Amino acid sequence: MREEFNTRDVEIVFYGTKLDYEDLKEIADEANIKTKYLPAKEGMENKEAAIQAVFEKIQKVPFDALKSSKVTRDFEKAKNNEFEVNVVATMSSGKSTLINSLMRQKLMPTALLNHLI
């Protein structure tokens, strides 16, 4: 990210739970990237249970598409950390650089990606 933005002063501001922040901070510390933690709203400490409750409510609505086995399968995958993440932003905004930094490897050169998009 430092090369992409031509600065050594990079800081990631994380808004969420302390547990999730600690995962991010561990990687950022290895890359000498400053981080700042902003806590999530109160009452979200047990977010897995809250998400499960919302999913159970969704399963009771009168829309068959939301009760499909695919929706249930995808929800279970997400709970088990097996889900796709999409990074969407304008061209040359640092998407590839961010992904490469988080994965701690160059998955694809950023210059090449800009030509493919």
PDB file of N, CA and C in Angstrom:
ATOM      1  N   MET A   1       0.829  -1.187   0.000  1.00  0.00           N
ATOM      2  CA  MET A   1       0.000   0.000   0.000  1.00  0.00           C
ATOM      3  C   MET A   1       0.869   1.245   0.000  1.00  0.00           C
ATOM      4  N   ARG A   2       2.003   1.162   0.676  1.00  0.00           N
ATOM      5  CA  ARG A   2       2.881   2.331   0.732  1.00  0.00           C
ATOM      6  C   ARG A   2       3.349   2.720  -0.664  1.00  0.00           C
ATOM      7  N   GLU A   3       3.719   1.708  -1.472  1.00  0.00           N
ATOM      8  CA  GLU A   3       4.167   1.985  -2.835  1.00  0.00           C
ATOM      9  C   GLU A   3       3.017   2.530  -3.684  1.00  0.00           C
ATOM     10  N   GLU A   4       1.858   1.940  -3.550  1.00  0.00           N
ATOM     11  CA  GLU A   4       0.708   2.342  -4.357  1.00  0.00           C
ATOM     12  C   GLU A   4       0.300   3.789  -4.086  1.00  0.00           C
ATOM     13  N   PHE A   5       0.315   4.192  -2.827  1.00  0.00           N
ATOM     14  CA  PHE A   5      -0.104   5.540  -2.463  1.00  0.00           C
ATOM     15  C   PHE A   5       1.075   6.511  -2.307  1.00  0.00           C
ATOM     16  N   ASN A   6       2.285   6.001  -2.531  1.00  0.00           N
ATOM     17  CA  ASN A   6       3.494   6.811  -2.481  1.00  0.00           C
ATOM     18  C   ASN A   6       3.652   7.539  -1.141  1.00  0.00           C
ATOM     19  N   THR A   7       3.416   6.789  -0.076  1.00  0.00           N
ATOM     20  CA  THR A   7       3.579   7.356   1.266  1.00  0.00           C
ATOM     21  C   THR A   7       3.941   6.240   2.234  1.00  0.00           C
ATOM     22  N   ARG A   8       4.680   6.579   3.253  1.00  0.00           N
ATOM     23  CA  ARG A   8       5.013   5.606   4.288  1.00  0.00           C
ATOM     24  C   ARG A   8       4.050   5.738   5.471  1.00  0.00           C
ATOM     25  N   ASP A   9       3.200   6.748   5.423  1.00  0.00           N
ATOM     26  CA  ASP A   9       2.262   7.022   6.519  1.00  0.00           C
ATOM     27  C   ASP A   9       0.908   6.380   6.198  1.00  0.00           C
ATOM     28  N   VAL A  10       0.777   5.092   6.508  1.00  0.00           N
ATOM     29  CA  VAL A  10      -0.452   4.342   6.246  1.00  0.00           C
ATOM     30  C   VAL A  10      -1.046   3.927   7.581  1.00  0.00           C
ATOM     31  N   GLU A  11      -2.333   4.118   7.730  1.00  0.00           N
ATOM     32  CA  GLU A  11      -3.026   3.695   8.946  1.00  0.00           C
ATOM     33  C   GLU A  11      -4.364   3.087   8.552  1.00  0.00           C
ATOM     34  N   ILE A  12      -4.691   1.952   9.157  1.00  0.00           N
ATOM     35  CA  ILE A  12      -5.981   1.303   8.942  1.00  0.00           C
ATOM     36  C   ILE A  12      -6.839   1.581  10.169  1.00  0.00           C
ATOM     37  N   VAL A  13      -8.014   2.150   9.951  1.00  0.00           N
ATOM     38  CA  VAL A  13      -8.968   2.387  11.041  1.00  0.00           C
ATOM     39  C   VAL A  13      -9.988   1.264  10.972  1.00  0.00           C
ATOM     40  N   PHE A  14     -10.077   0.482  12.040  1.00  0.00           N
ATOM     41  CA  PHE A  14     -10.961  -0.686  12.086  1.00  0.00           C
ATOM     42  C   PHE A  14     -12.109  -0.421  13.040  1.00  0.00           C
ATOM     43  N   TYR A  15     -13.325  -0.600  12.539  1.00  0.00           N
ATOM     44  CA  TYR A  15     -14.527  -0.442  13.355  1.00  0.00           C
ATOM     45  C   TYR A  15     -15.176  -1.807  13.476  1.00  0.00           C
ATOM     46  N   GLY A  16     -15.209  -2.367  14.672  1.00  0.00           N
ATOM     47  CA  GLY A  16     -15.790  -3.694  14.847  1.00  0.00           C
ATOM     48  C   GLY A  16     -15.515  -4.229  16.227  1.00  0.00           C
ATOM     49  N   THR A  17     -15.422  -5.551  16.306  1.00  0.00           N
ATOM     50  CA  THR A  17     -15.192  -6.187  17.604  1.00  0.00           C
ATOM     51  C   THR A  17     -13.703  -6.279  17.891  1.00  0.00           C
ATOM     52  N   LYS A  18     -13.362  -6.342  19.140  1.00  0.00           N
ATOM     53  CA  LYS A  18     -11.959  -6.415  19.565  1.00  0.00           C
ATOM     54  C   LYS A  18     -11.294  -7.686  19.016  1.00  0.00           C
ATOM     55  N   LEU A  19     -12.015  -8.793  19.027  1.00  0.00           N
ATOM     56  CA  LEU A  19     -11.465 -10.059  18.552  1.00  0.00           C
ATOM     57  C   LEU A  19     -11.091  -9.975  17.064  1.00  0.00           C
ATOM     58  N   ASP A  20     -11.970  -9.405  16.247  1.00  0.00           N
ATOM     59  CA  ASP A  20     -11.670  -9.238  14.827  1.00  0.00           C
ATOM     60  C   ASP A  20     -10.510  -8.271  14.622  1.00  0.00           C
ATOM     61  N   TYR A  21     -10.474  -7.208  15.411  1.00  0.00           N
ATOM     62  CA  TYR A  21      -9.395  -6.230  15.314  1.00  0.00           C
ATOM     63  C   TYR A  21      -8.044  -6.872  15.606  1.00  0.00           C
ATOM     64  N   GLU A  22      -7.995  -7.742  16.596  1.00  0.00           N
ATOM     65  CA  GLU A  22      -6.733  -8.372  16.959  1.00  0.00           C
ATOM     66  C   GLU A  22      -6.167  -9.199  15.808  1.00  0.00           C
ATOM     67  N   ASP A  23      -7.038  -9.857  15.025  1.00  0.00           N
ATOM     68  CA  ASP A  23      -6.580 -10.597  13.848  1.00  0.00           C
ATOM     69  C   ASP A  23      -5.947  -9.648  12.826  1.00  0.00           C
ATOM     70  N   LEU A  24      -6.628  -8.543  12.553  1.00  0.00           N
ATOM     71  CA  LEU A  24      -6.112  -7.558  11.609  1.00  0.00           C
ATOM     72  C   LEU A  24      -4.806  -6.949  12.115  1.00  0.00           C
ATOM     73  N   LYS A  25      -4.761  -6.616  13.388  1.00  0.00           N
ATOM     74  CA  LYS A  25      -3.590  -5.958  13.961  1.00  0.00           C
ATOM     75  C   LYS A  25      -2.357  -6.839  13.868  1.00  0.00           C
ATOM     76  N   GLU A  26      -2.532  -8.125  14.052  1.00  0.00           N
ATOM     77  CA  GLU A  26      -1.397  -9.047  13.968  1.00  0.00           C
ATOM     78  C   GLU A  26      -0.731  -8.978  12.587  1.00  0.00           C
ATOM     79  N   ILE A  27      -1.528  -8.974  11.553  1.00  0.00           N
ATOM     80  CA  ILE A  27      -0.993  -8.891  10.188  1.00  0.00           C
ATOM     81  C   ILE A  27      -0.421  -7.502   9.922  1.00  0.00           C
ATOM     82  N   ALA A  28      -1.127  -6.478  10.346  1.00  0.00           N
ATOM     83  CA  ALA A  28      -0.665  -5.103  10.120  1.00  0.00           C
ATOM     84  C   ALA A  28       0.651  -4.843  10.846  1.00  0.00           C
ATOM     85  N   ASP A  29       0.795  -5.359  12.057  1.00  0.00           N
ATOM     86  CA  ASP A  29       2.035  -5.173  12.806  1.00  0.00           C
ATOM     87  C   ASP A  29       3.229  -5.788  12.073  1.00  0.00           C
ATOM     88  N   GLU A  30       3.019  -6.961  11.460  1.00  0.00           N
ATOM     89  CA  GLU A  30       4.097  -7.610  10.710  1.00  0.00           C
ATOM     90  C   GLU A  30       4.538  -6.754   9.528  1.00  0.00           C
ATOM     91  N   ALA A  31       3.601  -5.992   8.960  1.00  0.00           N
ATOM     92  CA  ALA A  31       3.905  -5.131   7.812  1.00  0.00           C
ATOM     93  C   ALA A  31       4.241  -3.699   8.241  1.00  0.00           C
ATOM     94  N   ASN A  32       4.346  -3.473   9.543  1.00  0.00           N
ATOM     95  CA  ASN A  32       4.615  -2.133  10.085  1.00  0.00           C
ATOM     96  C   ASN A  32       3.587  -1.104   9.632  1.00  0.00           C
ATOM     97  N   ILE A  33       2.326  -1.495   9.643  1.00  0.00           N
ATOM     98  CA  ILE A  33       1.221  -0.597   9.300  1.00  0.00           C
ATOM     99  C   ILE A  33       0.500  -0.237  10.593  1.00  0.00           C
ATOM    100  N   LYS A  34       0.293   1.058  10.809  1.00  0.00           N
ATOM    101  CA  LYS A  34      -0.404   1.517  12.011  1.00  0.00           C
ATOM    102  C   LYS A  34      -1.881   1.145  11.913  1.00  0.00           C
ATOM    103  N   THR A  35      -2.461   0.864  13.061  1.00  0.00           N
ATOM    104  CA  THR A  35      -3.892   0.568  13.110  1.00  0.00           C
ATOM    105  C   THR A  35      -4.533   1.367  14.238  1.00  0.00           C
ATOM    106  N   LYS A  36      -5.822   1.578  14.086  1.00  0.00           N
ATOM    107  CA  LYS A  36      -6.609   2.249  15.125  1.00  0.00           C
ATOM    108  C   LYS A  36      -7.890   1.454  15.289  1.00  0.00           C
ATOM    109  N   TYR A  37      -8.277   1.211  16.518  1.00  0.00           N
ATOM    110  CA  TYR A  37      -9.462   0.416  16.820  1.00  0.00           C
ATOM    111  C   TYR A  37     -10.599   1.301  17.308  1.00  0.00           C
ATOM    112  N   LEU A  38     -11.761   1.142  16.676  1.00  0.00           N
ATOM    113  CA  LEU A  38     -12.989   1.794  17.130  1.00  0.00           C
ATOM    114  C   LEU A  38     -13.982   0.685  17.445  1.00  0.00           C
ATOM    115  N   PRO A  39     -14.453   0.603  18.674  1.00  0.00           N
ATOM    116  CA  PRO A  39     -15.330  -0.516  19.045  1.00  0.00           C
ATOM    117  C   PRO A  39     -16.676  -0.495  18.327  1.00  0.00           C
ATOM    118  N   ALA A  40     -17.210  -1.702  18.127  1.00  0.00           N
ATOM    119  CA  ALA A  40     -18.539  -1.849  17.531  1.00  0.00           C
ATOM    120  C   ALA A  40     -19.583  -1.382  18.527  1.00  0.00           C
ATOM    121  N   LYS A  41     -20.807  -1.263  18.031  1.00  0.00           N
ATOM    122  CA  LYS A  41     -21.893  -0.859  18.918  1.00  0.00           C
ATOM    123  C   LYS A  41     -21.998  -1.813  20.102  1.00  0.00           C
ATOM    124  N   GLU A  42     -22.391  -1.282  21.231  1.00  0.00           N
ATOM    125  CA  GLU A  42     -22.589  -2.118  22.412  1.00  0.00           C
ATOM    126  C   GLU A  42     -23.662  -3.155  22.128  1.00  0.00           C
ATOM    127  N   GLY A  43     -23.516  -4.315  22.737  1.00  0.00           N
ATOM    128  CA  GLY A  43     -24.503  -5.369  22.558  1.00  0.00           C
ATOM    129  C   GLY A  43     -24.190  -6.293  21.397  1.00  0.00           C
ATOM    130  N   MET A  44     -23.076  -6.063  20.705  1.00  0.00           N
ATOM    131  CA  MET A  44     -22.724  -6.918  19.580  1.00  0.00           C
ATOM    132  C   MET A  44     -21.590  -7.882  19.934  1.00  0.00           C
ATOM    133  N   GLU A  45     -21.366  -8.107  21.206  1.00  0.00           N
ATOM    134  CA  GLU A  45     -20.291  -8.985  21.627  1.00  0.00           C
ATOM    135  C   GLU A  45     -20.510 -10.407  21.105  1.00  0.00           C
ATOM    136  N   ASN A  46     -21.745 -10.861  21.121  1.00  0.00           N
ATOM    137  CA  ASN A  46     -22.044 -12.210  20.650  1.00  0.00           C
ATOM    138  C   ASN A  46     -22.707 -12.127  19.282  1.00  0.00           C
ATOM    139  N   LYS A  47     -21.954 -11.666  18.301  1.00  0.00           N
ATOM    140  CA  LYS A  47     -22.524 -11.414  16.982  1.00  0.00           C
ATOM    141  C   LYS A  47     -22.933 -12.694  16.276  1.00  0.00           C
ATOM    142  N   GLU A  48     -22.249 -13.807  16.550  1.00  0.00           N
ATOM    143  CA  GLU A  48     -22.637 -15.066  15.906  1.00  0.00           C
ATOM    144  C   GLU A  48     -24.058 -15.475  16.300  1.00  0.00           C
ATOM    145  N   ALA A  49     -24.390 -15.346  17.562  1.00  0.00           N
ATOM    146  CA  ALA A  49     -25.738 -15.688  18.016  1.00  0.00           C
ATOM    147  C   ALA A  49     -26.764 -14.732  17.420  1.00  0.00           C
ATOM    148  N   ALA A  50     -26.403 -13.453  17.317  1.00  0.00           N
ATOM    149  CA  ALA A  50     -27.317 -12.472  16.728  1.00  0.00           C
ATOM    150  C   ALA A  50     -27.561 -12.765  15.249  1.00  0.00           C
ATOM    151  N   ILE A  51     -26.516 -13.124  14.529  1.00  0.00           N
ATOM    152  CA  ILE A  51     -26.656 -13.454  13.113  1.00  0.00           C
ATOM    153  C   ILE A  51     -27.490 -14.721  12.949  1.00  0.00           C
ATOM    154  N   GLN A  52     -27.273 -15.708  13.784  1.00  0.00           N
ATOM    155  CA  GLN A  52     -28.061 -16.951  13.734  1.00  0.00           C
ATOM    156  C   GLN A  52     -29.543 -16.650  13.972  1.00  0.00           C
ATOM    157  N   ALA A  53     -29.838 -15.778  14.921  1.00  0.00           N
ATOM    158  CA  ALA A  53     -31.233 -15.414  15.204  1.00  0.00           C
ATOM    159  C   ALA A  53     -31.876 -14.728  14.006  1.00  0.00           C
ATOM    160  N   VAL A  54     -31.138 -13.852  13.339  1.00  0.00           N
ATOM    161  CA  VAL A  54     -31.676 -13.184  12.147  1.00  0.00           C
ATOM    162  C   VAL A  54     -31.938 -14.210  11.058  1.00  0.00           C
ATOM    163  N   PHE A  55     -31.020 -15.152  10.860  1.00  0.00           N
ATOM    164  CA  PHE A  55     -31.211 -16.180   9.838  1.00  0.00           C
ATOM    165  C   PHE A  55     -32.444 -17.020  10.137  1.00  0.00           C
ATOM    166  N   GLU A  56     -32.649 -17.360  11.384  1.00  0.00           N
ATOM    167  CA  GLU A  56     -33.826 -18.151  11.757  1.00  0.00           C
ATOM    168  C   GLU A  56     -35.114 -17.382  11.476  1.00  0.00           C
ATOM    169  N   LYS A  57     -35.121 -16.068  11.697  1.00  0.00           N
ATOM    170  CA  LYS A  57     -36.292 -15.243  11.364  1.00  0.00           C
ATOM    171  C   LYS A  57     -36.524 -15.221   9.861  1.00  0.00           C
ATOM    172  N   ILE A  58     -35.440 -15.127   9.093  1.00  0.00           N
ATOM    173  CA  ILE A  58     -35.554 -15.117   7.633  1.00  0.00           C
ATOM    174  C   ILE A  58     -36.188 -16.414   7.138  1.00  0.00           C
ATOM    175  N   GLN A  59     -35.849 -17.508   7.772  1.00  0.00           N
ATOM    176  CA  GLN A  59     -36.381 -18.804   7.358  1.00  0.00           C
ATOM    177  C   GLN A  59     -37.896 -18.921   7.601  1.00  0.00           C
ATOM    178  N   LYS A  60     -38.473 -18.046   8.406  1.00  0.00           N
ATOM    179  CA  LYS A  60     -39.906 -18.098   8.728  1.00  0.00           C
ATOM    180  C   LYS A  60     -40.754 -17.178   7.856  1.00  0.00           C
ATOM    181  N   VAL A  61     -40.123 -16.356   7.012  1.00  0.00           N
ATOM    182  CA  VAL A  61     -40.899 -15.450   6.169  1.00  0.00           C
ATOM    183  C   VAL A  61     -41.532 -16.227   5.021  1.00  0.00           C
ATOM    184  N   PRO A  62     -42.607 -15.685   4.426  1.00  0.00           N
ATOM    185  CA  PRO A  62     -43.321 -16.430   3.378  1.00  0.00           C
ATOM    186  C   PRO A  62     -42.701 -16.321   1.975  1.00  0.00           C
ATOM    187  N   PHE A  63     -41.390 -16.377   1.876  1.00  0.00           N
ATOM    188  CA  PHE A  63     -40.713 -16.344   0.580  1.00  0.00           C
ATOM    189  C   PHE A  63     -39.900 -17.621   0.429  1.00  0.00           C
ATOM    190  N   ASP A  64     -40.341 -18.492  -0.469  1.00  0.00           N
ATOM    191  CA  ASP A  64     -39.680 -19.781  -0.648  1.00  0.00           C
ATOM    192  C   ASP A  64     -38.209 -19.645  -1.033  1.00  0.00           C
ATOM    193  N   ALA A  65     -37.871 -18.614  -1.795  1.00  0.00           N
ATOM    194  CA  ALA A  65     -36.479 -18.435  -2.235  1.00  0.00           C
ATOM    195  C   ALA A  65     -35.532 -18.292  -1.039  1.00  0.00           C
ATOM    196  N   LEU A  66     -36.016 -17.717   0.068  1.00  0.00           N
ATOM    197  CA  LEU A  66     -35.172 -17.547   1.252  1.00  0.00           C
ATOM    198  C   LEU A  66     -35.081 -18.817   2.089  1.00  0.00           C
ATOM    199  N   LYS A  67     -35.900 -19.811   1.757  1.00  0.00           N
ATOM    200  CA  LYS A  67     -35.889 -21.071   2.491  1.00  0.00           C
ATOM    201  C   LYS A  67     -35.188 -22.178   1.710  1.00  0.00           C
ATOM    202  N   SER A  68     -34.595 -21.835   0.592  1.00  0.00           N
ATOM    203  CA  SER A  68     -33.970 -22.843  -0.278  1.00  0.00           C
ATOM    204  C   SER A  68     -32.758 -23.479   0.397  1.00  0.00           C
ATOM    205  N   SER A  69     -32.428 -24.675  -0.080  1.00  0.00           N
ATOM    206  CA  SER A  69     -31.257 -25.369   0.465  1.00  0.00           C
ATOM    207  C   SER A  69     -29.979 -24.605   0.139  1.00  0.00           C
ATOM    208  N   LYS A  70     -29.942 -23.878  -0.982  1.00  0.00           N
ATOM    209  CA  LYS A  70     -28.759 -23.083  -1.337  1.00  0.00           C
ATOM    210  C   LYS A  70     -28.524 -21.972  -0.319  1.00  0.00           C
ATOM    211  N   VAL A  71     -29.598 -21.295   0.095  1.00  0.00           N
ATOM    212  CA  VAL A  71     -29.457 -20.226   1.089  1.00  0.00           C
ATOM    213  C   VAL A  71     -28.932 -20.808   2.402  1.00  0.00           C
ATOM    214  N   THR A  72     -29.493 -21.933   2.814  1.00  0.00           N
ATOM    215  CA  THR A  72     -29.045 -22.579   4.046  1.00  0.00           C
ATOM    216  C   THR A  72     -27.592 -23.023   3.929  1.00  0.00           C
ATOM    217  N   ARG A  73     -27.227 -23.624   2.807  1.00  0.00           N
ATOM    218  CA  ARG A  73     -25.852 -24.082   2.580  1.00  0.00           C
ATOM    219  C   ARG A  73     -24.876 -22.895   2.595  1.00  0.00           C
ATOM    220  N   ASP A  74     -25.252 -21.806   1.916  1.00  0.00           N
ATOM    221  CA  ASP A  74     -24.384 -20.623   1.886  1.00  0.00           C
ATOM    222  C   ASP A  74     -24.227 -20.005   3.267  1.00  0.00           C
ATOM    223  N   PHE A  75     -25.300 -20.008   4.049  1.00  0.00           N
ATOM    224  CA  PHE A  75     -25.219 -19.480   5.410  1.00  0.00           C
ATOM    225  C   PHE A  75     -24.259 -20.321   6.247  1.00  0.00           C
ATOM    226  N   GLU A  76     -24.358 -21.631   6.125  1.00  0.00           N
ATOM    227  CA  GLU A  76     -23.464 -22.522   6.881  1.00  0.00           C
ATOM    228  C   GLU A  76     -22.016 -22.330   6.452  1.00  0.00           C
ATOM    229  N   LYS A  77     -21.778 -22.135   5.161  1.00  0.00           N
ATOM    230  CA  LYS A  77     -20.418 -21.875   4.682  1.00  0.00           C
ATOM    231  C   LYS A  77     -19.878 -20.591   5.302  1.00  0.00           C
ATOM    232  N   ALA A  78     -20.707 -19.555   5.317  1.00  0.00           N
ATOM    233  CA  ALA A  78     -20.281 -18.274   5.880  1.00  0.00           C
ATOM    234  C   ALA A  78     -19.947 -18.418   7.367  1.00  0.00           C
ATOM    235  N   LYS A  79     -20.732 -19.185   8.092  1.00  0.00           N
ATOM    236  CA  LYS A  79     -20.465 -19.394   9.519  1.00  0.00           C
ATOM    237  C   LYS A  79     -19.148 -20.130   9.733  1.00  0.00           C
ATOM    238  N   ASN A  80     -18.754 -20.943   8.779  1.00  0.00           N
ATOM    239  CA  ASN A  80     -17.532 -21.734   8.897  1.00  0.00           C
ATOM    240  C   ASN A  80     -16.347 -21.095   8.177  1.00  0.00           C
ATOM    241  N   ASN A  81     -16.440 -19.793   7.903  1.00  0.00           N
ATOM    242  CA  ASN A  81     -15.363 -19.041   7.257  1.00  0.00           C
ATOM    243  C   ASN A  81     -15.083 -19.485   5.833  1.00  0.00           C
ATOM    244  N   GLU A  82     -16.055 -20.116   5.168  1.00  0.00           N
ATOM    245  CA  GLU A  82     -15.890 -20.522   3.776  1.00  0.00           C
ATOM    246  C   GLU A  82     -16.839 -19.702   2.921  1.00  0.00           C
ATOM    247  N   PHE A  83     -16.449 -18.463   2.625  1.00  0.00           N
ATOM    248  CA  PHE A  83     -17.321 -17.622   1.822  1.00  0.00           C
ATOM    249  C   PHE A  83     -16.488 -16.692   0.958  1.00  0.00           C
ATOM    250  N   GLU A  84     -17.091 -16.223  -0.106  1.00  0.00           N
ATOM    251  CA  GLU A  84     -16.414 -15.321  -1.012  1.00  0.00           C
ATOM    252  C   GLU A  84     -16.508 -13.898  -0.488  1.00  0.00           C
ATOM    253  N   VAL A  85     -15.471 -13.137  -0.751  1.00  0.00           N
ATOM    254  CA  VAL A  85     -15.453 -11.721  -0.395  1.00  0.00           C
ATOM    255  C   VAL A  85     -15.201 -10.948  -1.679  1.00  0.00           C
ATOM    256  N   ASN A  86     -16.003  -9.951  -1.933  1.00  0.00           N
ATOM    257  CA  ASN A  86     -15.818  -9.094  -3.095  1.00  0.00           C
ATOM    258  C   ASN A  86     -15.284  -7.749  -2.646  1.00  0.00           C
ATOM    259  N   VAL A  87     -14.259  -7.278  -3.336  1.00  0.00           N
ATOM    260  CA  VAL A  87     -13.705  -5.961  -3.085  1.00  0.00           C
ATOM    261  C   VAL A  87     -14.079  -5.111  -4.286  1.00  0.00           C
ATOM    262  N   VAL A  88     -14.900  -4.092  -4.046  1.00  0.00           N
ATOM    263  CA  VAL A  88     -15.412  -3.274  -5.130  1.00  0.00           C
ATOM    264  C   VAL A  88     -15.037  -1.822  -4.886  1.00  0.00           C
ATOM    265  N   ALA A  89     -14.448  -1.202  -5.903  1.00  0.00           N
ATOM    266  CA  ALA A  89     -14.083   0.214  -5.828  1.00  0.00           C
ATOM    267  C   ALA A  89     -13.743   0.671  -7.244  1.00  0.00           C
ATOM    268  N   THR A  90     -13.491   1.951  -7.391  1.00  0.00           N
ATOM    269  CA  THR A  90     -13.149   2.500  -8.697  1.00  0.00           C
ATOM    270  C   THR A  90     -11.764   2.035  -9.127  1.00  0.00           C
ATOM    271  N   MET A  91     -11.464   2.221 -10.408  1.00  0.00           N
ATOM    272  CA  MET A  91     -10.150   1.842 -10.932  1.00  0.00           C
ATOM    273  C   MET A  91      -9.045   2.601 -10.202  1.00  0.00           C
ATOM    274  N   SER A  92      -7.931   1.926 -10.025  1.00  0.00           N
ATOM    275  CA  SER A  92      -6.731   2.516  -9.409  1.00  0.00           C
ATOM    276  C   SER A  92      -6.977   3.033  -7.998  1.00  0.00           C
ATOM    277  N   SER A  93      -7.860   2.365  -7.266  1.00  0.00           N
ATOM    278  CA  SER A  93      -8.136   2.812  -5.894  1.00  0.00           C
ATOM    279  C   SER A  93      -7.395   1.983  -4.853  1.00  0.00           C
ATOM    280  N   GLY A  94      -6.678   0.932  -5.294  1.00  0.00           N
ATOM    281  CA  GLY A  94      -5.888   0.138  -4.358  1.00  0.00           C
ATOM    282  C   GLY A  94      -6.499  -1.200  -3.987  1.00  0.00           C
ATOM    283  N   LYS A  95      -7.490  -1.673  -4.755  1.00  0.00           N
ATOM    284  CA  LYS A  95      -8.128  -2.959  -4.442  1.00  0.00           C
ATOM    285  C   LYS A  95      -7.119  -4.102  -4.445  1.00  0.00           C
ATOM    286  N   SER A  96      -6.362  -4.202  -5.528  1.00  0.00           N
ATOM    287  CA  SER A  96      -5.379  -5.281  -5.655  1.00  0.00           C
ATOM    288  C   SER A  96      -4.297  -5.152  -4.600  1.00  0.00           C
ATOM    289  N   THR A  97      -3.872  -3.954  -4.348  1.00  0.00           N
ATOM    290  CA  THR A  97      -2.846  -3.719  -3.342  1.00  0.00           C
ATOM    291  C   THR A  97      -3.336  -4.157  -1.968  1.00  0.00           C
ATOM    292  N   LEU A  98      -4.578  -3.831  -1.644  1.00  0.00           N
ATOM    293  CA  LEU A  98      -5.154  -4.240  -0.363  1.00  0.00           C
ATOM    294  C   LEU A  98      -5.210  -5.761  -0.254  1.00  0.00           C
ATOM    295  N   ILE A  99      -5.704  -6.419  -1.292  1.00  0.00           N
ATOM    296  CA  ILE A  99      -5.810  -7.880  -1.267  1.00  0.00           C
ATOM    297  C   ILE A  99      -4.428  -8.512  -1.146  1.00  0.00           C
ATOM    298  N   ASN A 100      -3.482  -8.039  -1.947  1.00  0.00           N
ATOM    299  CA  ASN A 100      -2.121  -8.569  -1.873  1.00  0.00           C
ATOM    300  C   ASN A 100      -1.535  -8.372  -0.475  1.00  0.00           C
ATOM    301  N   SER A 101      -1.776  -7.222   0.130  1.00  0.00           N
ATOM    302  CA  SER A 101      -1.253  -6.942   1.472  1.00  0.00           C
ATOM    303  C   SER A 101      -1.883  -7.860   2.510  1.00  0.00           C
ATOM    304  N   LEU A 102      -3.182  -8.042   2.443  1.00  0.00           N
ATOM    305  CA  LEU A 102      -3.852  -8.902   3.419  1.00  0.00           C
ATOM    306  C   LEU A 102      -3.457 -10.368   3.270  1.00  0.00           C
ATOM    307  N   MET A 103      -3.217 -10.788   2.023  1.00  0.00           N
ATOM    308  CA  MET A 103      -2.830 -12.180   1.772  1.00  0.00           C
ATOM    309  C   MET A 103      -1.325 -12.401   1.950  1.00  0.00           C
ATOM    310  N   ARG A 104      -0.594 -11.302   2.152  1.00  0.00           N
ATOM    311  CA  ARG A 104       0.859 -11.345   2.339  1.00  0.00           C
ATOM    312  C   ARG A 104       1.578 -11.976   1.154  1.00  0.00           C
ATOM    313  N   GLN A 105       1.018 -11.815  -0.030  1.00  0.00           N
ATOM    314  CA  GLN A 105       1.661 -12.278  -1.257  1.00  0.00           C
ATOM    315  C   GLN A 105       1.029 -11.574  -2.447  1.00  0.00           C
ATOM    316  N   LYS A 106       1.750 -11.529  -3.541  1.00  0.00           N
ATOM    317  CA  LYS A 106       1.194 -10.923  -4.750  1.00  0.00           C
ATOM    318  C   LYS A 106       0.434 -11.997  -5.500  1.00  0.00           C
ATOM    319  N   LEU A 107      -0.870 -11.922  -5.469  1.00  0.00           N
ATOM    320  CA  LEU A 107      -1.683 -12.891  -6.183  1.00  0.00           C
ATOM    321  C   LEU A 107      -1.666 -12.600  -7.681  1.00  0.00           C
ATOM    322  N   MET A 108      -1.612 -11.331  -8.033  1.00  0.00           N
ATOM    323  CA  MET A 108      -1.527 -10.908  -9.428  1.00  0.00           C
ATOM    324  C   MET A 108      -0.952  -9.499  -9.418  1.00  0.00           C
ATOM    325  N   PRO A 109      -0.050  -9.193 -10.339  1.00  0.00           N
ATOM    326  CA  PRO A 109       0.509  -7.840 -10.351  1.00  0.00           C
ATOM    327  C   PRO A 109      -0.579  -6.784 -10.503  1.00  0.00           C
ATOM    328  N   THR A 110      -0.464  -5.721  -9.735  1.00  0.00           N
ATOM    329  CA  THR A 110      -1.512  -4.699  -9.762  1.00  0.00           C
ATOM    330  C   THR A 110      -1.610  -4.020 -11.110  1.00  0.00           C
ATOM    331  N   ALA A 111      -0.514  -3.794 -11.793  1.00  0.00           N
ATOM    332  CA  ALA A 111      -0.557  -3.137 -13.109  1.00  0.00           C
ATOM    333  C   ALA A 111      -1.327  -3.999 -14.098  1.00  0.00           C
ATOM    334  N   LEU A 112      -1.138  -5.314 -14.057  1.00  0.00           N
ATOM    335  CA  LEU A 112      -1.852  -6.221 -14.949  1.00  0.00           C
ATOM    336  C   LEU A 112      -3.340  -6.201 -14.645  1.00  0.00           C
ATOM    337  N   LEU A 113      -3.683  -6.178 -13.378  1.00  0.00           N
ATOM    338  CA  LEU A 113      -5.094  -6.146 -13.014  1.00  0.00           C
ATOM    339  C   LEU A 113      -5.793  -4.915 -13.539  1.00  0.00           C
ATOM    340  N   ASN A 114      -5.131  -3.778 -13.507  1.00  0.00           N
ATOM    341  CA  ASN A 114      -5.747  -2.557 -13.994  1.00  0.00           C
ATOM    342  C   ASN A 114      -6.100  -2.657 -15.466  1.00  0.00           C
ATOM    343  N   HIS A 115      -5.337  -3.423 -16.241  1.00  0.00           N
ATOM    344  CA  HIS A 115      -5.629  -3.572 -17.655  1.00  0.00           C
ATOM    345  C   HIS A 115      -6.751  -4.577 -17.896  1.00  0.00           C
ATOM    346  N   LEU A 116      -6.939  -5.514 -16.961  1.00  0.00           N
ATOM    347  CA  LEU A 116      -7.979  -6.529 -17.132  1.00  0.00           C
ATOM    348  C   LEU A 116      -9.365  -6.038 -16.750  1.00  0.00           C
ATOM    349  N   ILE A 117      -9.415  -5.057 -15.869  1.00  0.00           N
ATOM    350  CA  ILE A 117     -10.704  -4.583 -15.362  1.00  0.00           C
ATOM    351  C   ILE A 117     -11.370  -3.669 -16.357  1.00  0.00           C
TER     352      ILE A 117
END
